[in-house]
Amino acid sequence: MYYFKYRKFITSFSIVRNMANVKRFYRKTNIISNSGKFEITLDQRKLKTPQGKIFEVDNKPLALAVAAEWDAQKDIIDRGNMHLTALCNTVIDNPHKHTKIDMVNYIVNCLEMDTLLFHSNENDELYKLQTEQWDPLVQWFCDNYSVNMVKTQSIEAPMISSETKAILLRHLLSYSCGAVNGFMYGVDAIKSVILTLAAAERVISIQDAVRLSRLEEDYQTSHWGTVEWFHDHNKYDLQTRLAAAILFVHLNSSSVTCQPKTNNENVS
């Protein structure tokens, strides 16, 4: 489900990031199986990471999804929109030498700054909107993970108990390192642990998660107007990033077994 939504997002979102762009230099994108891993080829050349390592992933669905990103490029390769490729590169190269516990601790600590826990104390109309649309997701989070949290109406971070952090830490550690990378990418994109986990659990859609993360911004623009093209650009950018993050979580959480093949598999 998220794969097809992600393809839709990367097709519709075509803002060009000049610093990341090069001309397309290949015609066909294939995947090959090698010793239980899956590699991407651009024509006859194997794709490599920024550190020069062979680009390889653990399962065929993820390889197909990455290959689809490369297939989606037209005359210009827009690397800034190839989020699955970037996530795989991060896992393979690990440029910051992060361990899984490092990333899980980062996500858990982000809960104290979760967008959904900060409600307005200056605008009653906005507060009412936040209560109606955010509180059900906060309650779902508390019920689903058997934790307690209290929102705040000040600039001070809400108090998150050590028990709540420990429960969330254990839950995230149950995922693979690749999936945790996906969670971290999603949290960084929409500034919400709650919304990212809700999207991963299919409680809400990608579009709704992004909409709820932008609730205050959309409220303000409804009163003061929007900057031409900017707000739509931001919305679609967040949708592509979160869709990639959730897809990456799912593709790194499924047990996929495939028999190695010697022939290339053309996905173009």
C-alpha atoms as a PDB file:
ATOM      1  CA  MET A   1       0.000   0.000   0.000  1.00  0.00           C
ATOM      2  CA  TYR A   2       2.648   2.519   1.033  1.00  0.00           C
ATOM      3  CA  TYR A   3       4.801   1.563  -1.981  1.00  0.00           C
ATOM      4  CA  PHE A   4       2.155   2.719  -4.450  1.00  0.00           C
ATOM      5  CA  LYS A   5       1.457   5.888  -2.461  1.00  0.00           C
ATOM      6  CA  TYR A   6       5.181   6.590  -2.404  1.00  0.00           C
ATOM      7  CA  ARG A   7       5.412   6.189  -6.200  1.00  0.00           C
ATOM      8  CA  LYS A   8       2.516   8.638  -6.533  1.00  0.00           C
ATOM      9  CA  PHE A   9       4.224  11.164  -4.264  1.00  0.00           C
ATOM     10  CA  ILE A  10       7.610  11.060  -6.039  1.00  0.00           C
ATOM     11  CA  THR A  11       5.882  11.414  -9.406  1.00  0.00           C
ATOM     12  CA  SER A  12       3.781  14.419  -8.386  1.00  0.00           C
ATOM     13  CA  PHE A  13       6.518  16.171  -6.415  1.00  0.00           C
ATOM     14  CA  SER A  14       8.939  17.504  -9.067  1.00  0.00           C
ATOM     15  CA  ILE A  15      10.649  20.503  -7.440  1.00  0.00           C
ATOM     16  CA  VAL A  16      14.288  20.372  -8.570  1.00  0.00           C
ATOM     17  CA  ARG A  17      17.134  20.681  -6.067  1.00  0.00           C
ATOM     18  CA  ASN A  18      19.967  22.006  -8.235  1.00  0.00           C
ATOM     19  CA  MET A  19      22.813  20.909  -5.959  1.00  0.00           C
ATOM     20  CA  ALA A  20      21.746  17.258  -6.128  1.00  0.00           C
ATOM     21  CA  ASN A  21      21.060  17.006  -9.854  1.00  0.00           C
ATOM     22  CA  VAL A  22      23.018  15.316 -12.630  1.00  0.00           C
ATOM     23  CA  LYS A  23      21.976  14.163 -16.092  1.00  0.00           C
ATOM     24  CA  ARG A  24      20.593  10.644 -16.355  1.00  0.00           C
ATOM     25  CA  PHE A  25      23.413   8.443 -17.624  1.00  0.00           C
ATOM     26  CA  TYR A  26      21.688   5.031 -17.852  1.00  0.00           C
ATOM     27  CA  ARG A  27      18.828   3.473 -19.788  1.00  0.00           C
ATOM     28  CA  LYS A  28      17.764   0.456 -17.759  1.00  0.00           C
ATOM     29  CA  THR A  29      17.579  -0.363 -14.073  1.00  0.00           C
ATOM     30  CA  ASN A  30      17.883  -3.970 -12.932  1.00  0.00           C
ATOM     31  CA  ILE A  31      18.286  -5.876  -9.696  1.00  0.00           C
ATOM     32  CA  ILE A  32      20.501  -8.915  -9.212  1.00  0.00           C
ATOM     33  CA  SER A  33      20.745 -11.431  -6.386  1.00  0.00           C
ATOM     34  CA  ASN A  34      24.187 -12.080  -4.972  1.00  0.00           C
ATOM     35  CA  SER A  35      24.890 -14.310  -1.949  1.00  0.00           C
ATOM     36  CA  GLY A  36      21.487 -13.645  -0.406  1.00  0.00           C
ATOM     37  CA  LYS A  37      21.693  -9.872  -0.961  1.00  0.00           C
ATOM     38  CA  PHE A  38      20.128  -7.777  -3.714  1.00  0.00           C
ATOM     39  CA  GLU A  39      22.051  -5.219  -5.739  1.00  0.00           C
ATOM     40  CA  ILE A  40      20.960  -2.485  -8.145  1.00  0.00           C
ATOM     41  CA  THR A  41      22.463  -2.118 -11.608  1.00  0.00           C
ATOM     42  CA  LEU A  42      22.233   0.903 -13.870  1.00  0.00           C
ATOM     43  CA  ASP A  43      22.698  -0.676 -17.290  1.00  0.00           C
ATOM     44  CA  GLN A  44      25.662  -2.972 -16.535  1.00  0.00           C
ATOM     45  CA  ARG A  45      27.156  -0.930 -13.706  1.00  0.00           C
ATOM     46  CA  LYS A  46      26.514  -1.754 -10.062  1.00  0.00           C
ATOM     47  CA  LEU A  47      25.149   1.091  -7.973  1.00  0.00           C
ATOM     48  CA  LYS A  48      27.494   2.212  -5.187  1.00  0.00           C
ATOM     49  CA  THR A  49      27.061   4.254  -2.017  1.00  0.00           C
ATOM     50  CA  PRO A  50      28.691   7.671  -1.427  1.00  0.00           C
ATOM     51  CA  GLN A  51      31.550   5.859   0.347  1.00  0.00           C
ATOM     52  CA  GLY A  52      32.098   3.612  -2.655  1.00  0.00           C
ATOM     53  CA  LYS A  53      30.567   0.448  -1.209  1.00  0.00           C
ATOM     54  CA  ILE A  54      28.410  -1.855  -3.312  1.00  0.00           C
ATOM     55  CA  PHE A  55      24.780  -0.841  -2.829  1.00  0.00           C
ATOM     56  CA  GLU A  56      23.081  -3.976  -1.496  1.00  0.00           C
ATOM     57  CA  VAL A  57      19.947  -4.638   0.538  1.00  0.00           C
ATOM     58  CA  ASP A  58      18.595  -7.676   2.347  1.00  0.00           C
ATOM     59  CA  ASN A  59      15.372  -8.289   0.430  1.00  0.00           C
ATOM     60  CA  LYS A  60      13.928  -8.117  -3.049  1.00  0.00           C
ATOM     61  CA  PRO A  61      10.959  -5.786  -2.309  1.00  0.00           C
ATOM     62  CA  LEU A  62      13.307  -3.096  -0.985  1.00  0.00           C
ATOM     63  CA  ALA A  63      15.600  -3.534  -3.992  1.00  0.00           C
ATOM     64  CA  LEU A  64      12.614  -3.167  -6.319  1.00  0.00           C
ATOM     65  CA  ALA A  65      11.479  -0.017  -4.498  1.00  0.00           C
ATOM     66  CA  VAL A  66      14.945   1.559  -4.782  1.00  0.00           C
ATOM     67  CA  ALA A  67      15.169   0.570  -8.435  1.00  0.00           C
ATOM     68  CA  ALA A  68      11.774   2.223  -8.960  1.00  0.00           C
ATOM     69  CA  GLU A  69      13.217   5.488  -7.620  1.00  0.00           C
ATOM     70  CA  TRP A  70      15.987   5.332 -10.196  1.00  0.00           C
ATOM     71  CA  ASP A  71      13.494   4.405 -12.924  1.00  0.00           C
ATOM     72  CA  ALA A  72      11.370   7.424 -11.990  1.00  0.00           C
ATOM     73  CA  GLN A  73      14.190   9.833 -12.863  1.00  0.00           C
ATOM     74  CA  LYS A  74      13.810  11.554 -16.216  1.00  0.00           C
ATOM     75  CA  ASP A  75      16.488  13.579 -18.001  1.00  0.00           C
ATOM     76  CA  ILE A  76      17.824  14.858 -14.678  1.00  0.00           C
ATOM     77  CA  ILE A  77      18.571  12.693 -11.628  1.00  0.00           C
ATOM     78  CA  ASP A  78      17.137  14.491  -8.615  1.00  0.00           C
ATOM     79  CA  ARG A  79      18.897  12.796  -5.706  1.00  0.00           C
ATOM     80  CA  GLY A  80      17.165  15.109  -3.247  1.00  0.00           C
ATOM     81  CA  ASN A  81      13.899  13.260  -3.891  1.00  0.00           C
ATOM     82  CA  MET A  82      15.339   9.731  -3.759  1.00  0.00           C
ATOM     83  CA  HIS A  83      14.641   9.118  -0.096  1.00  0.00           C
ATOM     84  CA  LEU A  84      14.772   5.313  -0.115  1.00  0.00           C
ATOM     85  CA  THR A  85      18.145   5.414  -1.829  1.00  0.00           C
ATOM     86  CA  ALA A  86      19.365   7.913   0.765  1.00  0.00           C
ATOM     87  CA  LEU A  87      18.087   5.772   3.641  1.00  0.00           C
ATOM     88  CA  CYS A  88      19.810   2.676   2.260  1.00  0.00           C
ATOM     89  CA  ASN A  89      23.033   4.639   1.796  1.00  0.00           C
ATOM     90  CA  THR A  90      22.839   5.736   5.422  1.00  0.00           C
ATOM     91  CA  VAL A  91      22.354   2.171   6.655  1.00  0.00           C
ATOM     92  CA  ILE A  92      25.174   0.792   4.490  1.00  0.00           C
ATOM     93  CA  ASP A  93      27.740   3.575   5.059  1.00  0.00           C
ATOM     94  CA  ASN A  94      26.630   4.650   8.563  1.00  0.00           C
ATOM     95  CA  PRO A  95      28.592   7.903   8.157  1.00  0.00           C
ATOM     96  CA  HIS A  96      27.957   9.023  11.757  1.00  0.00           C
ATOM     97  CA  LYS A  97      28.730   5.591  13.255  1.00  0.00           C
ATOM     98  CA  HIS A  98      25.375   5.412  15.003  1.00  0.00           C
ATOM     99  CA  THR A  99      24.445   2.190  16.771  1.00  0.00           C
ATOM    100  CA  LYS A 100      20.838   1.038  17.029  1.00  0.00           C
ATOM    101  CA  ILE A 101      20.684   2.056  20.687  1.00  0.00           C
ATOM    102  CA  ASP A 102      21.967   5.529  19.745  1.00  0.00           C
ATOM    103  CA  MET A 103      19.114   5.966  17.275  1.00  0.00           C
ATOM    104  CA  VAL A 104      16.480   4.523  19.597  1.00  0.00           C
ATOM    105  CA  ASN A 105      17.550   6.834  22.430  1.00  0.00           C
ATOM    106  CA  TYR A 106      17.346   9.774  20.020  1.00  0.00           C
ATOM    107  CA  ILE A 107      13.777   8.860  19.028  1.00  0.00           C
ATOM    108  CA  VAL A 108      12.704   8.307  22.636  1.00  0.00           C
ATOM    109  CA  ASN A 109      14.108  11.693  23.669  1.00  0.00           C
ATOM    110  CA  CYS A 110      12.244  13.327  20.764  1.00  0.00           C
ATOM    111  CA  LEU A 111       8.988  12.392  22.510  1.00  0.00           C
ATOM    112  CA  GLU A 112       9.535  15.297  24.922  1.00  0.00           C
ATOM    113  CA  MET A 113       9.389  17.695  21.964  1.00  0.00           C
ATOM    114  CA  ASP A 114       6.564  15.954  20.090  1.00  0.00           C
ATOM    115  CA  THR A 115       4.409  18.429  18.178  1.00  0.00           C
ATOM    116  CA  LEU A 116       1.198  16.818  19.429  1.00  0.00           C
ATOM    117  CA  LEU A 117       2.057  17.529  23.067  1.00  0.00           C
ATOM    118  CA  PHE A 118       2.382  21.309  22.642  1.00  0.00           C
ATOM    119  CA  HIS A 119      -0.978  23.085  22.651  1.00  0.00           C
ATOM    120  CA  SER A 120      -1.648  26.783  22.199  1.00  0.00           C
ATOM    121  CA  ASN A 121      -2.120  28.968  25.264  1.00  0.00           C
ATOM    122  CA  GLU A 122      -2.870  32.151  23.313  1.00  0.00           C
ATOM    123  CA  ASN A 123      -5.576  31.198  20.851  1.00  0.00           C
ATOM    124  CA  ASP A 124      -8.715  29.424  22.065  1.00  0.00           C
ATOM    125  CA  GLU A 125      -9.827  28.520  18.558  1.00  0.00           C
ATOM    126  CA  LEU A 126      -6.485  26.895  17.754  1.00  0.00           C
ATOM    127  CA  TYR A 127      -6.419  25.115  21.123  1.00  0.00           C
ATOM    128  CA  LYS A 128      -9.887  23.680  20.439  1.00  0.00           C
ATOM    129  CA  LEU A 129      -8.704  22.469  17.016  1.00  0.00           C
ATOM    130  CA  GLN A 130      -5.597  20.866  18.516  1.00  0.00           C
ATOM    131  CA  THR A 131      -7.644  19.173  21.231  1.00  0.00           C
ATOM    132  CA  GLU A 132     -10.131  17.760  18.731  1.00  0.00           C
ATOM    133  CA  GLN A 133      -7.585  16.495  16.220  1.00  0.00           C
ATOM    134  CA  TRP A 134      -4.465  15.737  18.262  1.00  0.00           C
ATOM    135  CA  ASP A 135      -5.802  14.341  21.532  1.00  0.00           C
ATOM    136  CA  PRO A 136      -7.303  11.163  19.984  1.00  0.00           C
ATOM    137  CA  LEU A 137      -3.858  10.264  18.586  1.00  0.00           C
ATOM    138  CA  VAL A 138      -2.187  10.979  21.920  1.00  0.00           C
ATOM    139  CA  GLN A 139      -4.770   8.754  23.611  1.00  0.00           C
ATOM    140  CA  TRP A 140      -4.186   6.011  21.028  1.00  0.00           C
ATOM    141  CA  PHE A 141      -0.453   6.197  21.736  1.00  0.00           C
ATOM    142  CA  CYS A 142      -1.006   5.931  25.486  1.00  0.00           C
ATOM    143  CA  ASP A 143      -3.434   3.015  25.135  1.00  0.00           C
ATOM    144  CA  ASN A 144      -1.400   1.150  22.528  1.00  0.00           C
ATOM    145  CA  TYR A 145       1.867   1.275  24.450  1.00  0.00           C
ATOM    146  CA  SER A 146       0.388   1.343  27.979  1.00  0.00           C
ATOM    147  CA  VAL A 147       2.001   4.670  28.872  1.00  0.00           C
ATOM    148  CA  ASN A 148       0.877   7.993  30.321  1.00  0.00           C
ATOM    149  CA  MET A 149       1.649  11.468  28.992  1.00  0.00           C
ATOM    150  CA  VAL A 150       0.389  14.949  29.717  1.00  0.00           C
ATOM    151  CA  LYS A 151       0.344  17.706  27.097  1.00  0.00           C
ATOM    152  CA  THR A 152       1.595  21.202  27.827  1.00  0.00           C
ATOM    153  CA  GLN A 153       0.384  24.721  27.046  1.00  0.00           C
ATOM    154  CA  SER A 154       3.717  26.370  27.812  1.00  0.00           C
ATOM    155  CA  ILE A 155       7.140  26.478  26.192  1.00  0.00           C
ATOM    156  CA  GLU A 156       8.389  23.992  28.771  1.00  0.00           C
ATOM    157  CA  ALA A 157       8.611  20.408  27.562  1.00  0.00           C
ATOM    158  CA  PRO A 158       6.005  17.994  28.946  1.00  0.00           C
ATOM    159  CA  MET A 159       7.155  15.534  31.548  1.00  0.00           C
ATOM    160  CA  ILE A 160       7.754  12.088  30.099  1.00  0.00           C
ATOM    161  CA  SER A 161       8.249   9.479  32.803  1.00  0.00           C
ATOM    162  CA  SER A 162      11.200   7.107  32.817  1.00  0.00           C
ATOM    163  CA  GLU A 163       8.698   4.217  32.628  1.00  0.00           C
ATOM    164  CA  THR A 164       7.203   5.608  29.418  1.00  0.00           C
ATOM    165  CA  LYS A 165      10.655   6.051  27.905  1.00  0.00           C
ATOM    166  CA  ALA A 166      11.639   2.517  28.890  1.00  0.00           C
ATOM    167  CA  ILE A 167       8.525   1.027  27.259  1.00  0.00           C
ATOM    168  CA  LEU A 168       9.076   2.950  24.028  1.00  0.00           C
ATOM    169  CA  LEU A 169      12.774   2.057  24.059  1.00  0.00           C
ATOM    170  CA  ARG A 170      12.001  -1.668  24.346  1.00  0.00           C
ATOM    171  CA  HIS A 171       9.432  -1.433  21.569  1.00  0.00           C
ATOM    172  CA  LEU A 172      11.795   0.288  19.129  1.00  0.00           C
ATOM    173  CA  LEU A 173      14.686  -2.031  19.965  1.00  0.00           C
ATOM    174  CA  SER A 174      12.521  -4.926  18.779  1.00  0.00           C
ATOM    175  CA  TYR A 175      12.914  -3.592  15.218  1.00  0.00           C
ATOM    176  CA  SER A 176      15.886  -4.084  12.928  1.00  0.00           C
ATOM    177  CA  CYS A 177      18.537  -1.402  12.600  1.00  0.00           C
ATOM    178  CA  GLY A 178      17.207  -0.526   9.149  1.00  0.00           C
ATOM    179  CA  ALA A 179      13.658  -0.070  10.446  1.00  0.00           C
ATOM    180  CA  VAL A 180      14.915   2.158  13.277  1.00  0.00           C
ATOM    181  CA  ASN A 181      16.638   4.320  10.658  1.00  0.00           C
ATOM    182  CA  GLY A 182      13.262   4.647   8.975  1.00  0.00           C
ATOM    183  CA  PHE A 183      11.546   5.660  12.211  1.00  0.00           C
ATOM    184  CA  MET A 184      14.212   8.280  12.899  1.00  0.00           C
ATOM    185  CA  TYR A 185      13.849   9.691   9.378  1.00  0.00           C
ATOM    186  CA  GLY A 186      10.080   9.970   9.810  1.00  0.00           C
ATOM    187  CA  VAL A 187      10.327  11.602  13.233  1.00  0.00           C
ATOM    188  CA  ASP A 188      12.823  14.157  11.927  1.00  0.00           C
ATOM    189  CA  ALA A 189      10.540  14.943   8.979  1.00  0.00           C
ATOM    190  CA  ILE A 190       7.286  15.648  10.841  1.00  0.00           C
ATOM    191  CA  LYS A 191       8.635  16.329  14.352  1.00  0.00           C
ATOM    192  CA  SER A 192       6.377  13.776  15.970  1.00  0.00           C
ATOM    193  CA  VAL A 193       7.082  10.340  17.390  1.00  0.00           C
ATOM    194  CA  ILE A 194       3.363   9.786  17.931  1.00  0.00           C
ATOM    195  CA  LEU A 195       2.353  10.515  14.336  1.00  0.00           C
ATOM    196  CA  THR A 196       5.227   8.489  12.908  1.00  0.00           C
ATOM    197  CA  LEU A 197       4.321   5.412  14.954  1.00  0.00           C
ATOM    198  CA  ALA A 198       0.621   5.865  14.163  1.00  0.00           C
ATOM    199  CA  ALA A 199       1.426   5.967  10.449  1.00  0.00           C
ATOM    200  CA  ALA A 200       3.635   2.888  10.771  1.00  0.00           C
ATOM    201  CA  GLU A 201       0.798   1.046  12.551  1.00  0.00           C
ATOM    202  CA  ARG A 202      -1.630   2.146   9.775  1.00  0.00           C
ATOM    203  CA  VAL A 203      -3.785   4.001  12.308  1.00  0.00           C
ATOM    204  CA  ILE A 204      -3.624   7.089  10.093  1.00  0.00           C
ATOM    205  CA  SER A 205      -2.599   7.702   6.491  1.00  0.00           C
ATOM    206  CA  ILE A 206       0.556   9.453   5.362  1.00  0.00           C
ATOM    207  CA  GLN A 207      -1.518  12.425   4.240  1.00  0.00           C
ATOM    208  CA  ASP A 208      -3.290  12.691   7.597  1.00  0.00           C
ATOM    209  CA  ALA A 209      -0.037  12.381   9.533  1.00  0.00           C
ATOM    210  CA  VAL A 210       1.454  15.276   7.570  1.00  0.00           C
ATOM    211  CA  ARG A 211      -1.751  17.300   7.853  1.00  0.00           C
ATOM    212  CA  LEU A 212      -1.816  16.875  11.621  1.00  0.00           C
ATOM    213  CA  SER A 213       1.864  17.769  11.909  1.00  0.00           C
ATOM    214  CA  ARG A 214       1.099  21.025  10.047  1.00  0.00           C
ATOM    215  CA  LEU A 215      -2.108  21.818  11.930  1.00  0.00           C
ATOM    216  CA  GLU A 216      -0.893  25.058  13.490  1.00  0.00           C
ATOM    217  CA  GLU A 217       0.782  26.220  10.267  1.00  0.00           C
ATOM    218  CA  ASP A 218      -2.357  25.508   8.241  1.00  0.00           C
ATOM    219  CA  TYR A 219      -4.460  27.331  10.828  1.00  0.00           C
ATOM    220  CA  GLN A 220      -2.262  30.406  10.564  1.00  0.00           C
ATOM    221  CA  THR A 221      -2.224  30.383   6.750  1.00  0.00           C
ATOM    222  CA  SER A 222      -6.015  30.051   6.673  1.00  0.00           C
ATOM    223  CA  HIS A 223      -6.144  33.389   8.470  1.00  0.00           C
ATOM    224  CA  TRP A 224      -3.170  35.190   6.978  1.00  0.00           C
ATOM    225  CA  GLY A 225      -2.830  33.597   3.553  1.00  0.00           C
ATOM    226  CA  THR A 226      -0.122  31.461   1.986  1.00  0.00           C
ATOM    227  CA  VAL A 227       3.114  32.199   0.199  1.00  0.00           C
ATOM    228  CA  GLU A 228       2.615  31.212  -3.431  1.00  0.00           C
ATOM    229  CA  TRP A 229       3.833  27.604  -4.088  1.00  0.00           C
ATOM    230  CA  PHE A 230       5.825  27.385  -0.812  1.00  0.00           C
ATOM    231  CA  HIS A 231       3.218  25.728   1.395  1.00  0.00           C
ATOM    232  CA  ASP A 232       2.265  23.125  -1.197  1.00  0.00           C
ATOM    233  CA  HIS A 233       5.970  22.446  -1.784  1.00  0.00           C
ATOM    234  CA  ASN A 234       6.471  21.877   1.930  1.00  0.00           C
ATOM    235  CA  LYS A 235       3.433  19.600   2.219  1.00  0.00           C
ATOM    236  CA  TYR A 236       4.425  17.335  -0.671  1.00  0.00           C
ATOM    237  CA  ASP A 237       8.026  17.241   0.506  1.00  0.00           C
ATOM    238  CA  LEU A 238       6.912  16.030   3.927  1.00  0.00           C
ATOM    239  CA  GLN A 239       4.601  13.460   2.343  1.00  0.00           C
ATOM    240  CA  THR A 240       7.392  11.982   0.231  1.00  0.00           C
ATOM    241  CA  ARG A 241       9.762  11.868   3.200  1.00  0.00           C
ATOM    242  CA  LEU A 242       7.263  10.261   5.565  1.00  0.00           C
ATOM    243  CA  ALA A 243       6.034   7.813   2.908  1.00  0.00           C
ATOM    244  CA  ALA A 244       9.636   6.741   2.297  1.00  0.00           C
ATOM    245  CA  ALA A 245      10.275   6.420   6.034  1.00  0.00           C
ATOM    246  CA  ILE A 246       7.222   4.235   6.661  1.00  0.00           C
ATOM    247  CA  LEU A 247       7.867   2.107   3.586  1.00  0.00           C
ATOM    248  CA  PHE A 248      11.464   1.652   4.756  1.00  0.00           C
ATOM    249  CA  VAL A 249      10.241   0.541   8.195  1.00  0.00           C
ATOM    250  CA  HIS A 250       7.887  -2.018   6.667  1.00  0.00           C
ATOM    251  CA  LEU A 251      10.402  -3.368   4.163  1.00  0.00           C
ATOM    252  CA  ASN A 252      12.985  -3.784   6.924  1.00  0.00           C
ATOM    253  CA  SER A 253      10.490  -5.432   9.277  1.00  0.00           C
ATOM    254  CA  SER A 254       9.197  -8.219   7.029  1.00  0.00           C
ATOM    255  CA  SER A 255      10.813 -11.608   6.806  1.00  0.00           C
ATOM    256  CA  VAL A 256      11.503 -12.175   3.117  1.00  0.00           C
ATOM    257  CA  THR A 257      13.146 -15.303   1.806  1.00  0.00           C
ATOM    258  CA  CYS A 258      14.225 -15.598  -1.814  1.00  0.00           C
ATOM    259  CA  GLN A 259      16.310 -18.117  -3.683  1.00  0.00           C
ATOM    260  CA  PRO A 260      19.394 -16.547  -5.293  1.00  0.00           C
ATOM    261  CA  LYS A 261      19.190 -16.162  -9.046  1.00  0.00           C
ATOM    262  CA  THR A 262      21.951 -15.804 -11.547  1.00  0.00           C
ATOM    263  CA  ASN A 263      19.969 -13.864 -14.117  1.00  0.00           C
ATOM    264  CA  ASN A 264      19.313 -10.138 -13.921  1.00  0.00           C
ATOM    265  CA  GLU A 265      15.746  -9.105 -13.201  1.00  0.00           C
ATOM    266  CA  ASN A 266      14.650  -6.159 -15.348  1.00  0.00           C
ATOM    267  CA  VAL A 267      12.325  -3.796 -13.505  1.00  0.00           C
ATOM    268  CA  SER A 268      12.279  -0.961 -16.018  1.00  0.00           C
END
